[in-house]
Amino acid sequence: ADQVLLMSESQRPFVAPHVPAERIRTILHGVVSTYFTPPAKREPRGKFRMFMLGDTERDHEFAAQVAAKLPADRFEWRIRTISHEKSYYAGIPVVTLLPRLTEEQMRAEYQQAEVLAMPMLDSAANNVILESMACGTPVLTNRSGGVPEYVNPECNYVLSNDRRVDEWVEKLLGLERNRAAAEQLRPATRAWAEKFDWKRIAGEYRAMYRDVLARG
């Protein structure tokens, strides 16, 4: 290979033994921040609304354990995933399992959630995290894989990898009691996500190709 591209430094240990260091480059993943944008208007607040999307490397088993400890009169966790993951949430009243979403419906879910609450088993790049942040919605996740490269803890919530149910429950209860805390992060979350706009990331790809071609 003339060049190996990583989307996270967490991938480097798997590649480094096989490829010369000068042929490895990390370019972080991008987001279409002109489509994934904050909403013109936020819906009236009722229950504390969370969103989770996807199945690959999502820790649905752990999410279900957290959901089971949240009061249903104060929380709604809206989750879209594939069928075999849905069984984890059977009988948990705070969980609303969503059908297949259109692009517009998915964007609306990001925009209207208080937080994207998504525990991860592992992560290099993650479209859902980037799209949520571009919509101004803070992310609540764990320090897994490349998450620290993508999720700024100053405008999001990054917890440990210890899979401590009580840690997640305590954080969510605190956010529900003080909803202004997450709401106030929305402008900074959006500003952070703009760093990952594809128009900027594309420049890094162009630079990579120039470097490779210059090597002959």
N, C-alpha and C. Protein backbone atom coordinates (compact mmCIF):
# COMPACT_ATOMS: atom_id res chain seq x y z
N ALA A 1 0.84 -1.19 0.00
CA ALA A 1 0.00 0.00 0.00
C ALA A 1 0.88 1.24 0.00
N ASP A 2 0.53 2.20 -0.83
CA ASP A 2 1.24 3.48 -0.83
C ASP A 2 0.86 4.33 0.38
N GLN A 3 -0.36 4.13 0.86
CA GLN A 3 -0.83 4.90 2.02
C GLN A 3 -1.92 4.11 2.71
N VAL A 4 -1.88 4.08 4.03
CA VAL A 4 -2.97 3.50 4.82
C VAL A 4 -3.59 4.63 5.61
N LEU A 5 -4.90 4.79 5.46
CA LEU A 5 -5.62 5.86 6.16
C LEU A 5 -6.37 5.28 7.34
N LEU A 6 -6.20 5.92 8.49
CA LEU A 6 -6.94 5.57 9.69
C LEU A 6 -7.99 6.64 9.96
N MET A 7 -9.08 6.25 10.59
CA MET A 7 -10.09 7.23 11.01
C MET A 7 -10.01 7.51 12.50
N SER A 8 -9.04 6.89 13.16
CA SER A 8 -8.82 7.09 14.58
C SER A 8 -7.45 6.54 14.93
N GLU A 9 -6.78 7.19 15.85
CA GLU A 9 -5.50 6.67 16.33
C GLU A 9 -5.66 5.34 17.04
N SER A 10 -6.87 5.04 17.48
CA SER A 10 -7.10 3.74 18.13
C SER A 10 -6.86 2.58 17.17
N GLN A 11 -6.86 2.84 15.86
CA GLN A 11 -6.62 1.79 14.87
C GLN A 11 -5.13 1.54 14.61
N ARG A 12 -4.29 2.49 15.03
CA ARG A 12 -2.87 2.41 14.69
C ARG A 12 -2.19 1.13 15.19
N PRO A 13 -2.45 0.66 16.41
CA PRO A 13 -1.76 -0.55 16.87
C PRO A 13 -1.99 -1.78 15.98
N PHE A 14 -3.12 -1.81 15.27
CA PHE A 14 -3.42 -2.96 14.42
C PHE A 14 -2.67 -2.88 13.08
N VAL A 15 -2.30 -1.66 12.68
CA VAL A 15 -1.69 -1.44 11.37
C VAL A 15 -0.17 -1.29 11.46
N ALA A 16 0.28 -0.65 12.53
CA ALA A 16 1.70 -0.28 12.64
C ALA A 16 2.68 -1.44 12.48
N PRO A 17 2.39 -2.65 12.95
CA PRO A 17 3.35 -3.74 12.76
C PRO A 17 3.54 -4.16 11.31
N HIS A 18 2.65 -3.72 10.43
CA HIS A 18 2.66 -4.23 9.06
C HIS A 18 2.97 -3.17 8.01
N VAL A 19 2.97 -1.90 8.39
CA VAL A 19 3.12 -0.81 7.42
C VAL A 19 4.13 0.20 7.96
N PRO A 20 5.05 0.68 7.14
CA PRO A 20 6.00 1.70 7.60
C PRO A 20 5.25 2.94 8.11
N ALA A 21 5.78 3.54 9.16
CA ALA A 21 5.10 4.66 9.82
C ALA A 21 4.80 5.81 8.86
N GLU A 22 5.73 6.05 7.91
CA GLU A 22 5.53 7.19 6.99
C GLU A 22 4.39 6.95 6.01
N ARG A 23 3.88 5.72 5.95
CA ARG A 23 2.77 5.42 5.05
C ARG A 23 1.44 5.28 5.79
N ILE A 24 1.43 5.68 7.04
CA ILE A 24 0.19 5.65 7.82
C ILE A 24 -0.21 7.09 8.14
N ARG A 25 -1.45 7.41 7.90
CA ARG A 25 -1.95 8.75 8.21
C ARG A 25 -3.35 8.64 8.80
N THR A 26 -3.63 9.47 9.77
CA THR A 26 -4.97 9.53 10.36
C THR A 26 -5.69 10.76 9.84
N ILE A 27 -6.84 10.54 9.23
CA ILE A 27 -7.74 11.62 8.84
C ILE A 27 -9.10 11.30 9.46
N LEU A 28 -9.53 12.17 10.34
CA LEU A 28 -10.79 11.90 11.03
C LEU A 28 -11.97 11.98 10.06
N HIS A 29 -13.01 11.25 10.40
CA HIS A 29 -14.21 11.17 9.57
C HIS A 29 -14.93 12.52 9.55
N GLY A 30 -15.79 12.73 8.55
CA GLY A 30 -16.47 14.00 8.41
C GLY A 30 -17.98 13.88 8.50
N VAL A 31 -18.63 15.05 8.48
CA VAL A 31 -20.08 15.12 8.57
C VAL A 31 -20.57 16.23 7.63
N VAL A 32 -21.77 16.05 7.10
CA VAL A 32 -22.37 17.07 6.24
C VAL A 32 -23.08 18.07 7.15
N SER A 33 -22.35 19.06 7.58
CA SER A 33 -22.90 19.99 8.57
C SER A 33 -23.87 21.00 7.98
N THR A 34 -24.01 20.99 6.64
CA THR A 34 -25.04 21.83 6.02
C THR A 34 -26.40 21.14 6.01
N TYR A 35 -26.42 19.82 6.21
CA TYR A 35 -27.68 19.07 6.31
C TYR A 35 -28.02 18.79 7.77
N PHE A 36 -27.06 18.30 8.51
CA PHE A 36 -27.28 18.04 9.93
C PHE A 36 -27.02 19.35 10.68
N THR A 37 -28.09 20.03 10.98
CA THR A 37 -28.02 21.37 11.57
C THR A 37 -28.95 21.45 12.77
N PRO A 38 -28.75 22.41 13.65
CA PRO A 38 -29.71 22.62 14.73
C PRO A 38 -31.08 22.98 14.16
N PRO A 39 -32.14 22.65 14.88
CA PRO A 39 -33.49 22.92 14.36
C PRO A 39 -33.82 24.40 14.41
N ALA A 40 -34.71 24.80 13.51
CA ALA A 40 -35.20 26.17 13.57
C ALA A 40 -35.99 26.40 14.86
N LYS A 41 -36.64 25.34 15.34
CA LYS A 41 -37.45 25.43 16.56
C LYS A 41 -37.40 24.12 17.29
N ARG A 42 -37.23 24.19 18.59
CA ARG A 42 -37.26 22.98 19.43
C ARG A 42 -38.68 22.75 19.92
N GLU A 43 -39.11 21.50 19.94
CA GLU A 43 -40.45 21.17 20.42
C GLU A 43 -40.57 21.44 21.92
N PRO A 44 -41.80 21.70 22.41
CA PRO A 44 -41.98 21.87 23.86
C PRO A 44 -41.45 20.67 24.61
N ARG A 45 -40.79 20.92 25.72
CA ARG A 45 -40.18 19.85 26.48
C ARG A 45 -41.21 19.12 27.33
N GLY A 46 -41.19 17.81 27.28
CA GLY A 46 -42.00 16.98 28.16
C GLY A 46 -41.06 16.11 28.98
N LYS A 47 -41.08 14.80 28.70
CA LYS A 47 -40.11 13.92 29.34
C LYS A 47 -38.71 14.23 28.80
N PHE A 48 -37.71 13.88 29.59
CA PHE A 48 -36.32 14.04 29.14
C PHE A 48 -36.09 13.05 28.02
N ARG A 49 -35.82 13.57 26.84
CA ARG A 49 -35.82 12.77 25.62
C ARG A 49 -34.40 12.46 25.17
N MET A 50 -34.13 11.17 24.97
CA MET A 50 -32.82 10.71 24.52
C MET A 50 -33.00 9.95 23.21
N PHE A 51 -31.90 9.83 22.46
CA PHE A 51 -31.93 9.12 21.18
C PHE A 51 -30.72 8.20 21.10
N MET A 52 -30.91 7.06 20.46
CA MET A 52 -29.82 6.12 20.18
C MET A 52 -30.12 5.46 18.86
N LEU A 53 -29.09 5.30 18.02
CA LEU A 53 -29.31 4.80 16.67
C LEU A 53 -28.21 3.83 16.27
N GLY A 54 -28.60 2.69 15.70
CA GLY A 54 -27.62 1.78 15.12
C GLY A 54 -27.44 0.51 15.93
N ASP A 55 -26.57 -0.36 15.40
CA ASP A 55 -26.33 -1.64 16.06
C ASP A 55 -24.86 -1.98 16.16
N THR A 56 -24.04 -1.59 15.18
CA THR A 56 -22.63 -2.00 15.19
C THR A 56 -21.89 -1.38 16.36
N GLU A 57 -21.35 -2.22 17.22
CA GLU A 57 -20.57 -1.83 18.40
C GLU A 57 -21.36 -0.99 19.40
N ARG A 58 -22.68 -0.90 19.25
CA ARG A 58 -23.48 -0.28 20.30
C ARG A 58 -23.67 -1.28 21.43
N ASP A 59 -23.61 -0.80 22.65
CA ASP A 59 -23.76 -1.69 23.81
C ASP A 59 -25.22 -1.70 24.24
N HIS A 60 -26.06 -2.39 23.47
CA HIS A 60 -27.49 -2.41 23.75
C HIS A 60 -27.80 -3.15 25.06
N GLU A 61 -27.04 -4.17 25.36
CA GLU A 61 -27.28 -4.89 26.61
C GLU A 61 -27.11 -3.95 27.81
N PHE A 62 -26.03 -3.15 27.78
CA PHE A 62 -25.78 -2.21 28.86
C PHE A 62 -26.83 -1.09 28.87
N ALA A 63 -27.18 -0.58 27.68
CA ALA A 63 -28.20 0.47 27.59
C ALA A 63 -29.51 0.01 28.22
N ALA A 64 -29.87 -1.23 27.98
CA ALA A 64 -31.12 -1.76 28.56
C ALA A 64 -31.05 -1.80 30.08
N GLN A 65 -29.89 -2.13 30.62
CA GLN A 65 -29.73 -2.15 32.08
C GLN A 65 -29.89 -0.74 32.66
N VAL A 66 -29.35 0.26 31.95
CA VAL A 66 -29.51 1.64 32.38
C VAL A 66 -30.98 2.06 32.28
N ALA A 67 -31.59 1.76 31.15
CA ALA A 67 -32.98 2.16 30.92
C ALA A 67 -33.92 1.59 31.96
N ALA A 68 -33.65 0.37 32.40
CA ALA A 68 -34.53 -0.28 33.38
C ALA A 68 -34.54 0.44 34.73
N LYS A 69 -33.53 1.28 34.97
CA LYS A 69 -33.45 1.98 36.25
C LYS A 69 -33.92 3.43 36.17
N LEU A 70 -34.38 3.86 35.01
CA LEU A 70 -34.85 5.23 34.86
C LEU A 70 -36.36 5.31 35.05
N PRO A 71 -36.86 6.34 35.71
CA PRO A 71 -38.31 6.47 35.93
C PRO A 71 -39.04 6.83 34.64
N ALA A 72 -40.06 6.05 34.33
CA ALA A 72 -40.77 6.21 33.06
C ALA A 72 -41.58 7.49 33.00
N ASP A 73 -41.89 8.09 34.12
CA ASP A 73 -42.66 9.34 34.09
C ASP A 73 -41.77 10.55 33.81
N ARG A 74 -40.45 10.33 33.75
CA ARG A 74 -39.54 11.46 33.54
C ARG A 74 -38.64 11.29 32.31
N PHE A 75 -38.55 10.08 31.75
CA PHE A 75 -37.61 9.82 30.66
C PHE A 75 -38.28 9.10 29.51
N GLU A 76 -37.80 9.41 28.30
CA GLU A 76 -38.10 8.60 27.12
C GLU A 76 -36.81 8.42 26.35
N TRP A 77 -36.45 7.16 26.12
CA TRP A 77 -35.23 6.83 25.37
C TRP A 77 -35.68 6.24 24.04
N ARG A 78 -35.55 7.01 22.99
CA ARG A 78 -36.00 6.63 21.66
C ARG A 78 -34.85 5.93 20.94
N ILE A 79 -35.08 4.68 20.54
CA ILE A 79 -34.00 3.83 20.03
C ILE A 79 -34.42 3.20 18.71
N ARG A 80 -33.53 3.33 17.74
CA ARG A 80 -33.71 2.64 16.46
C ARG A 80 -32.54 1.68 16.27
N THR A 81 -32.86 0.39 16.16
CA THR A 81 -31.83 -0.61 15.93
C THR A 81 -32.43 -1.78 15.18
N ILE A 82 -31.62 -2.78 14.89
CA ILE A 82 -32.10 -3.94 14.13
C ILE A 82 -32.84 -4.90 15.07
N SER A 83 -33.56 -5.84 14.48
CA SER A 83 -34.54 -6.62 15.23
C SER A 83 -33.93 -7.42 16.37
N HIS A 84 -32.77 -8.07 16.17
CA HIS A 84 -32.29 -8.95 17.23
C HIS A 84 -31.78 -8.17 18.45
N GLU A 85 -31.50 -6.87 18.30
CA GLU A 85 -31.10 -6.06 19.44
C GLU A 85 -32.31 -5.59 20.25
N LYS A 86 -33.48 -5.57 19.62
CA LYS A 86 -34.66 -5.02 20.28
C LYS A 86 -35.08 -5.84 21.49
N SER A 87 -34.74 -7.12 21.51
CA SER A 87 -35.19 -7.99 22.60
C SER A 87 -34.63 -7.55 23.95
N TYR A 88 -33.49 -6.85 23.95
CA TYR A 88 -32.93 -6.37 25.21
C TYR A 88 -33.90 -5.43 25.93
N TYR A 89 -34.75 -4.75 25.17
CA TYR A 89 -35.58 -3.69 25.74
C TYR A 89 -37.00 -4.12 26.07
N ALA A 90 -37.28 -5.40 25.94
CA ALA A 90 -38.64 -5.89 26.19
C ALA A 90 -39.08 -5.54 27.61
N GLY A 91 -40.23 -4.91 27.71
CA GLY A 91 -40.82 -4.62 29.01
C GLY A 91 -40.22 -3.43 29.74
N ILE A 92 -39.35 -2.66 29.10
CA ILE A 92 -38.74 -1.49 29.75
C ILE A 92 -39.53 -0.26 29.33
N PRO A 93 -40.26 0.36 30.24
CA PRO A 93 -41.23 1.39 29.83
C PRO A 93 -40.62 2.69 29.31
N VAL A 94 -39.39 3.01 29.66
CA VAL A 94 -38.83 4.29 29.19
C VAL A 94 -38.41 4.20 27.72
N VAL A 95 -38.31 3.00 27.17
CA VAL A 95 -37.78 2.82 25.82
C VAL A 95 -38.91 2.84 24.79
N THR A 96 -38.73 3.66 23.77
CA THR A 96 -39.59 3.66 22.59
C THR A 96 -38.77 3.16 21.42
N LEU A 97 -39.11 1.97 20.91
CA LEU A 97 -38.40 1.41 19.77
C LEU A 97 -38.98 1.98 18.48
N LEU A 98 -38.13 2.58 17.68
CA LEU A 98 -38.57 3.29 16.49
C LEU A 98 -38.52 2.41 15.25
N PRO A 99 -39.40 2.64 14.28
CA PRO A 99 -39.31 1.94 12.99
C PRO A 99 -38.18 2.52 12.16
N ARG A 100 -38.00 1.99 10.98
CA ARG A 100 -37.00 2.52 10.07
C ARG A 100 -37.28 4.01 9.82
N LEU A 101 -36.21 4.81 9.85
CA LEU A 101 -36.36 6.26 9.74
C LEU A 101 -35.89 6.75 8.38
N THR A 102 -36.61 7.75 7.84
CA THR A 102 -36.10 8.45 6.67
C THR A 102 -34.97 9.38 7.12
N GLU A 103 -34.24 9.94 6.16
CA GLU A 103 -33.18 10.89 6.51
C GLU A 103 -33.75 12.07 7.30
N GLU A 104 -34.91 12.56 6.87
CA GLU A 104 -35.51 13.71 7.55
C GLU A 104 -35.97 13.35 8.96
N GLN A 105 -36.54 12.16 9.12
CA GLN A 105 -36.97 11.72 10.45
C GLN A 105 -35.77 11.51 11.38
N MET A 106 -34.71 10.95 10.84
CA MET A 106 -33.51 10.75 11.64
C MET A 106 -32.95 12.09 12.10
N ARG A 107 -32.87 13.05 11.20
CA ARG A 107 -32.36 14.36 11.58
C ARG A 107 -33.25 15.00 12.65
N ALA A 108 -34.56 14.84 12.53
CA ALA A 108 -35.47 15.39 13.54
C ALA A 108 -35.25 14.74 14.90
N GLU A 109 -34.97 13.44 14.92
CA GLU A 109 -34.69 12.76 16.18
C GLU A 109 -33.44 13.35 16.85
N TYR A 110 -32.40 13.55 16.05
CA TYR A 110 -31.20 14.21 16.60
C TYR A 110 -31.56 15.58 17.17
N GLN A 111 -32.27 16.36 16.39
CA GLN A 111 -32.51 17.76 16.74
C GLN A 111 -33.36 17.91 17.99
N GLN A 112 -34.30 17.00 18.20
CA GLN A 112 -35.25 17.17 19.29
C GLN A 112 -34.85 16.43 20.56
N ALA A 113 -33.80 15.63 20.50
CA ALA A 113 -33.34 14.94 21.71
C ALA A 113 -32.59 15.90 22.62
N GLU A 114 -32.70 15.67 23.92
CA GLU A 114 -31.87 16.40 24.87
C GLU A 114 -30.41 15.97 24.75
N VAL A 115 -30.20 14.67 24.63
CA VAL A 115 -28.86 14.11 24.42
C VAL A 115 -28.95 12.88 23.53
N LEU A 116 -27.87 12.60 22.82
CA LEU A 116 -27.69 11.30 22.20
C LEU A 116 -27.04 10.42 23.27
N ALA A 117 -27.78 9.47 23.80
CA ALA A 117 -27.27 8.59 24.85
C ALA A 117 -26.93 7.25 24.22
N MET A 118 -25.63 6.97 24.05
CA MET A 118 -25.24 5.81 23.25
C MET A 118 -23.97 5.18 23.80
N PRO A 119 -24.11 4.21 24.70
CA PRO A 119 -22.93 3.47 25.17
C PRO A 119 -22.36 2.62 24.05
N MET A 120 -21.03 2.58 23.98
CA MET A 120 -20.34 1.90 22.90
C MET A 120 -19.48 0.75 23.42
N LEU A 121 -19.41 -0.32 22.64
CA LEU A 121 -18.46 -1.40 22.91
C LEU A 121 -17.09 -1.04 22.35
N ASP A 122 -17.09 -0.38 21.20
CA ASP A 122 -15.86 0.08 20.57
C ASP A 122 -16.26 1.14 19.55
N SER A 123 -15.30 1.92 19.11
CA SER A 123 -15.62 2.96 18.13
C SER A 123 -14.33 3.47 17.50
N ALA A 124 -14.34 3.56 16.19
CA ALA A 124 -13.28 4.30 15.49
C ALA A 124 -13.91 5.63 15.11
N ALA A 125 -14.54 5.68 13.91
CA ALA A 125 -15.37 6.82 13.55
C ALA A 125 -16.83 6.41 13.71
N ASN A 126 -17.69 7.40 13.94
CA ASN A 126 -19.09 7.08 14.17
C ASN A 126 -19.97 8.18 13.59
N ASN A 127 -20.69 7.84 12.52
CA ASN A 127 -21.55 8.83 11.88
C ASN A 127 -22.59 9.40 12.84
N VAL A 128 -23.19 8.56 13.66
CA VAL A 128 -24.28 9.00 14.53
C VAL A 128 -23.79 10.05 15.51
N ILE A 129 -22.63 9.83 16.09
CA ILE A 129 -22.07 10.81 17.02
C ILE A 129 -21.83 12.14 16.31
N LEU A 130 -21.24 12.11 15.12
CA LEU A 130 -20.97 13.34 14.39
C LEU A 130 -22.25 14.04 13.98
N GLU A 131 -23.24 13.29 13.52
CA GLU A 131 -24.49 13.90 13.08
C GLU A 131 -25.25 14.52 14.23
N SER A 132 -25.23 13.85 15.37
CA SER A 132 -25.89 14.42 16.56
C SER A 132 -25.24 15.74 16.95
N MET A 133 -23.92 15.76 17.03
CA MET A 133 -23.23 16.98 17.43
C MET A 133 -23.48 18.10 16.42
N ALA A 134 -23.52 17.76 15.12
CA ALA A 134 -23.79 18.77 14.11
C ALA A 134 -25.18 19.37 14.26
N CYS A 135 -26.10 18.59 14.81
CA CYS A 135 -27.45 19.10 15.09
C CYS A 135 -27.50 19.88 16.41
N GLY A 136 -26.36 20.00 17.06
CA GLY A 136 -26.30 20.73 18.32
C GLY A 136 -26.68 19.91 19.53
N THR A 137 -26.89 18.62 19.36
CA THR A 137 -27.33 17.77 20.47
C THR A 137 -26.13 17.11 21.13
N PRO A 138 -25.87 17.39 22.41
CA PRO A 138 -24.71 16.80 23.08
C PRO A 138 -24.79 15.28 23.11
N VAL A 139 -23.63 14.67 23.17
CA VAL A 139 -23.50 13.21 23.17
C VAL A 139 -23.13 12.74 24.57
N LEU A 140 -23.81 11.71 25.03
CA LEU A 140 -23.44 11.01 26.26
C LEU A 140 -22.97 9.62 25.85
N THR A 141 -21.68 9.36 26.02
CA THR A 141 -21.12 8.08 25.62
C THR A 141 -19.94 7.76 26.52
N ASN A 142 -19.23 6.70 26.21
CA ASN A 142 -18.11 6.27 27.04
C ASN A 142 -16.80 6.38 26.26
N ARG A 143 -15.70 6.40 26.98
CA ARG A 143 -14.38 6.63 26.41
C ARG A 143 -13.87 5.35 25.75
N SER A 144 -14.43 5.05 24.60
CA SER A 144 -14.12 3.81 23.90
C SER A 144 -13.43 4.12 22.57
N GLY A 145 -12.33 3.45 22.29
CA GLY A 145 -11.67 3.58 20.99
C GLY A 145 -11.36 5.02 20.64
N GLY A 146 -11.89 5.47 19.50
CA GLY A 146 -11.60 6.81 19.02
C GLY A 146 -12.51 7.89 19.56
N VAL A 147 -13.40 7.56 20.48
CA VAL A 147 -14.33 8.57 21.02
C VAL A 147 -13.62 9.84 21.49
N PRO A 148 -12.49 9.74 22.23
CA PRO A 148 -11.85 10.98 22.68
C PRO A 148 -11.37 11.89 21.56
N GLU A 149 -11.15 11.34 20.36
CA GLU A 149 -10.73 12.17 19.22
C GLU A 149 -11.89 12.91 18.59
N TYR A 150 -13.11 12.42 18.81
CA TYR A 150 -14.28 12.99 18.17
C TYR A 150 -15.18 13.76 19.12
N VAL A 151 -15.21 13.39 20.38
CA VAL A 151 -16.19 13.94 21.32
C VAL A 151 -15.48 14.80 22.35
N ASN A 152 -15.71 16.09 22.28
CA ASN A 152 -15.10 17.04 23.21
C ASN A 152 -15.87 17.02 24.52
N PRO A 153 -15.25 16.63 25.64
CA PRO A 153 -15.97 16.56 26.91
C PRO A 153 -16.38 17.92 27.46
N GLU A 154 -15.87 18.99 26.88
CA GLU A 154 -16.28 20.32 27.33
C GLU A 154 -17.69 20.68 26.86
N CYS A 155 -18.17 20.01 25.81
CA CYS A 155 -19.52 20.29 25.33
C CYS A 155 -20.33 19.01 25.10
N ASN A 156 -19.84 17.91 25.66
CA ASN A 156 -20.54 16.63 25.62
C ASN A 156 -20.28 15.93 26.96
N TYR A 157 -20.68 14.68 27.05
CA TYR A 157 -20.49 13.92 28.29
C TYR A 157 -19.82 12.59 27.96
N VAL A 158 -18.60 12.42 28.43
CA VAL A 158 -17.83 11.22 28.15
C VAL A 158 -17.55 10.51 29.47
N LEU A 159 -18.13 9.34 29.64
CA LEU A 159 -17.99 8.57 30.88
C LEU A 159 -16.92 7.49 30.71
N SER A 160 -16.66 6.79 31.79
CA SER A 160 -15.61 5.77 31.78
C SER A 160 -16.06 4.54 30.99
N ASN A 161 -15.12 3.63 30.77
CA ASN A 161 -15.43 2.37 30.10
C ASN A 161 -15.76 1.26 31.09
N ASP A 162 -16.06 1.60 32.31
CA ASP A 162 -16.25 0.58 33.35
C ASP A 162 -17.60 -0.12 33.28
N ARG A 163 -18.50 0.36 32.40
CA ARG A 163 -19.84 -0.23 32.28
C ARG A 163 -20.56 -0.22 33.62
N ARG A 164 -20.50 0.92 34.28
CA ARG A 164 -21.16 1.09 35.58
C ARG A 164 -22.54 1.67 35.35
N VAL A 165 -23.54 0.84 35.54
CA VAL A 165 -24.93 1.26 35.33
C VAL A 165 -25.26 2.47 36.19
N ASP A 166 -24.85 2.43 37.45
CA ASP A 166 -25.19 3.52 38.36
C ASP A 166 -24.57 4.85 37.92
N GLU A 167 -23.39 4.80 37.29
CA GLU A 167 -22.76 6.03 36.81
C GLU A 167 -23.62 6.68 35.73
N TRP A 168 -24.12 5.88 34.80
CA TRP A 168 -24.97 6.39 33.74
C TRP A 168 -26.31 6.89 34.30
N VAL A 169 -26.89 6.13 35.20
CA VAL A 169 -28.18 6.52 35.77
C VAL A 169 -28.04 7.83 36.54
N GLU A 170 -26.98 7.94 37.33
CA GLU A 170 -26.76 9.17 38.08
C GLU A 170 -26.58 10.37 37.15
N LYS A 171 -25.82 10.20 36.09
CA LYS A 171 -25.61 11.29 35.14
C LYS A 171 -26.93 11.71 34.49
N LEU A 172 -27.72 10.74 34.07
CA LEU A 172 -28.98 11.06 33.41
C LEU A 172 -29.98 11.70 34.37
N LEU A 173 -30.05 11.20 35.57
CA LEU A 173 -30.95 11.82 36.56
C LEU A 173 -30.54 13.27 36.82
N GLY A 174 -29.24 13.51 36.88
CA GLY A 174 -28.76 14.87 37.09
C GLY A 174 -29.10 15.78 35.92
N LEU A 175 -28.98 15.28 34.70
CA LEU A 175 -29.32 16.08 33.53
C LEU A 175 -30.82 16.35 33.46
N GLU A 176 -31.62 15.38 33.87
CA GLU A 176 -33.07 15.59 33.86
C GLU A 176 -33.48 16.63 34.90
N ARG A 177 -32.81 16.62 36.04
CA ARG A 177 -33.13 17.61 37.09
C ARG A 177 -32.69 19.02 36.68
N ASN A 178 -31.59 19.11 35.90
CA ASN A 178 -31.07 20.40 35.47
C ASN A 178 -30.98 20.40 33.95
N ARG A 179 -32.11 20.53 33.30
CA ARG A 179 -32.15 20.42 31.84
C ARG A 179 -31.40 21.56 31.16
N ALA A 180 -31.27 22.66 31.85
CA ALA A 180 -30.55 23.79 31.25
C ALA A 180 -29.09 23.45 30.98
N ALA A 181 -28.53 22.50 31.74
CA ALA A 181 -27.11 22.17 31.58
C ALA A 181 -26.83 21.67 30.17
N ALA A 182 -27.60 20.68 29.70
CA ALA A 182 -27.40 20.16 28.34
C ALA A 182 -27.82 21.18 27.30
N GLU A 183 -28.90 21.93 27.58
CA GLU A 183 -29.39 22.91 26.63
C GLU A 183 -28.34 23.99 26.36
N GLN A 184 -27.64 24.38 27.39
CA GLN A 184 -26.63 25.44 27.24
C GLN A 184 -25.42 24.98 26.44
N LEU A 185 -25.22 23.66 26.34
CA LEU A 185 -24.08 23.14 25.58
C LEU A 185 -24.32 23.11 24.07
N ARG A 186 -25.57 23.28 23.65
CA ARG A 186 -25.90 23.06 22.25
C ARG A 186 -25.10 23.93 21.28
N PRO A 187 -24.96 25.24 21.52
CA PRO A 187 -24.15 26.03 20.57
C PRO A 187 -22.70 25.56 20.49
N ALA A 188 -22.10 25.22 21.64
CA ALA A 188 -20.71 24.77 21.63
C ALA A 188 -20.58 23.40 20.97
N THR A 189 -21.57 22.54 21.16
CA THR A 189 -21.55 21.23 20.52
C THR A 189 -21.59 21.39 19.00
N ARG A 190 -22.46 22.26 18.53
CA ARG A 190 -22.53 22.53 17.09
C ARG A 190 -21.21 23.10 16.57
N ALA A 191 -20.64 24.05 17.29
CA ALA A 191 -19.38 24.67 16.85
C ALA A 191 -18.27 23.63 16.77
N TRP A 192 -18.24 22.73 17.74
CA TRP A 192 -17.23 21.66 17.72
C TRP A 192 -17.42 20.77 16.50
N ALA A 193 -18.66 20.40 16.19
CA ALA A 193 -18.92 19.51 15.06
C ALA A 193 -18.53 20.14 13.74
N GLU A 194 -18.58 21.46 13.65
CA GLU A 194 -18.23 22.12 12.40
C GLU A 194 -16.76 21.89 12.03
N LYS A 195 -15.94 21.52 12.99
CA LYS A 195 -14.54 21.19 12.70
C LYS A 195 -14.43 19.94 11.83
N PHE A 196 -15.50 19.14 11.82
CA PHE A 196 -15.50 17.89 11.06
C PHE A 196 -16.26 18.00 9.74
N ASP A 197 -16.60 19.21 9.34
CA ASP A 197 -17.31 19.39 8.08
C ASP A 197 -16.48 18.80 6.94
N TRP A 198 -17.16 18.12 6.02
CA TRP A 198 -16.45 17.45 4.93
C TRP A 198 -15.64 18.42 4.07
N LYS A 199 -16.08 19.67 3.99
CA LYS A 199 -15.33 20.63 3.18
C LYS A 199 -13.93 20.84 3.75
N ARG A 200 -13.80 20.76 5.06
CA ARG A 200 -12.48 20.88 5.68
C ARG A 200 -11.73 19.55 5.60
N ILE A 201 -12.43 18.47 5.91
CA ILE A 201 -11.78 17.15 5.88
C ILE A 201 -11.28 16.83 4.47
N ALA A 202 -12.02 17.25 3.45
CA ALA A 202 -11.61 16.99 2.06
C ALA A 202 -10.23 17.58 1.77
N GLY A 203 -9.92 18.72 2.38
CA GLY A 203 -8.61 19.31 2.19
C GLY A 203 -7.50 18.41 2.69
N GLU A 204 -7.76 17.67 3.77
CA GLU A 204 -6.76 16.74 4.27
C GLU A 204 -6.55 15.58 3.31
N TYR A 205 -7.63 15.15 2.65
CA TYR A 205 -7.49 14.10 1.64
C TYR A 205 -6.69 14.59 0.44
N ARG A 206 -6.95 15.80 0.02
CA ARG A 206 -6.19 16.35 -1.12
C ARG A 206 -4.70 16.43 -0.78
N ALA A 207 -4.42 16.86 0.45
CA ALA A 207 -3.01 16.94 0.87
C ALA A 207 -2.37 15.57 0.90
N MET A 208 -3.12 14.56 1.33
CA MET A 208 -2.60 13.20 1.37
C MET A 208 -2.24 12.72 -0.03
N TYR A 209 -3.16 12.95 -0.99
CA TYR A 209 -2.89 12.51 -2.36
C TYR A 209 -1.69 13.24 -2.95
N ARG A 210 -1.55 14.52 -2.66
CA ARG A 210 -0.39 15.26 -3.16
C ARG A 210 0.90 14.66 -2.61
N ASP A 211 0.90 14.32 -1.31
CA ASP A 211 2.10 13.75 -0.69
C ASP A 211 2.44 12.39 -1.30
N VAL A 212 1.42 11.57 -1.53
CA VAL A 212 1.67 10.23 -2.09
C VAL A 212 2.21 10.35 -3.51
N LEU A 213 1.63 11.23 -4.30
CA LEU A 213 2.09 11.40 -5.68
C LEU A 213 3.50 11.98 -5.73
N ALA A 214 3.82 12.84 -4.78
CA ALA A 214 5.16 13.44 -4.74
C ALA A 214 6.22 12.40 -4.43
N ARG A 215 5.84 11.35 -3.71
CA ARG A 215 6.80 10.28 -3.40
C ARG A 215 7.13 9.46 -4.63
N GLY A 216 6.29 9.57 -5.66
CA GLY A 216 6.52 8.82 -6.89
C GLY A 216 6.20 7.35 -6.73
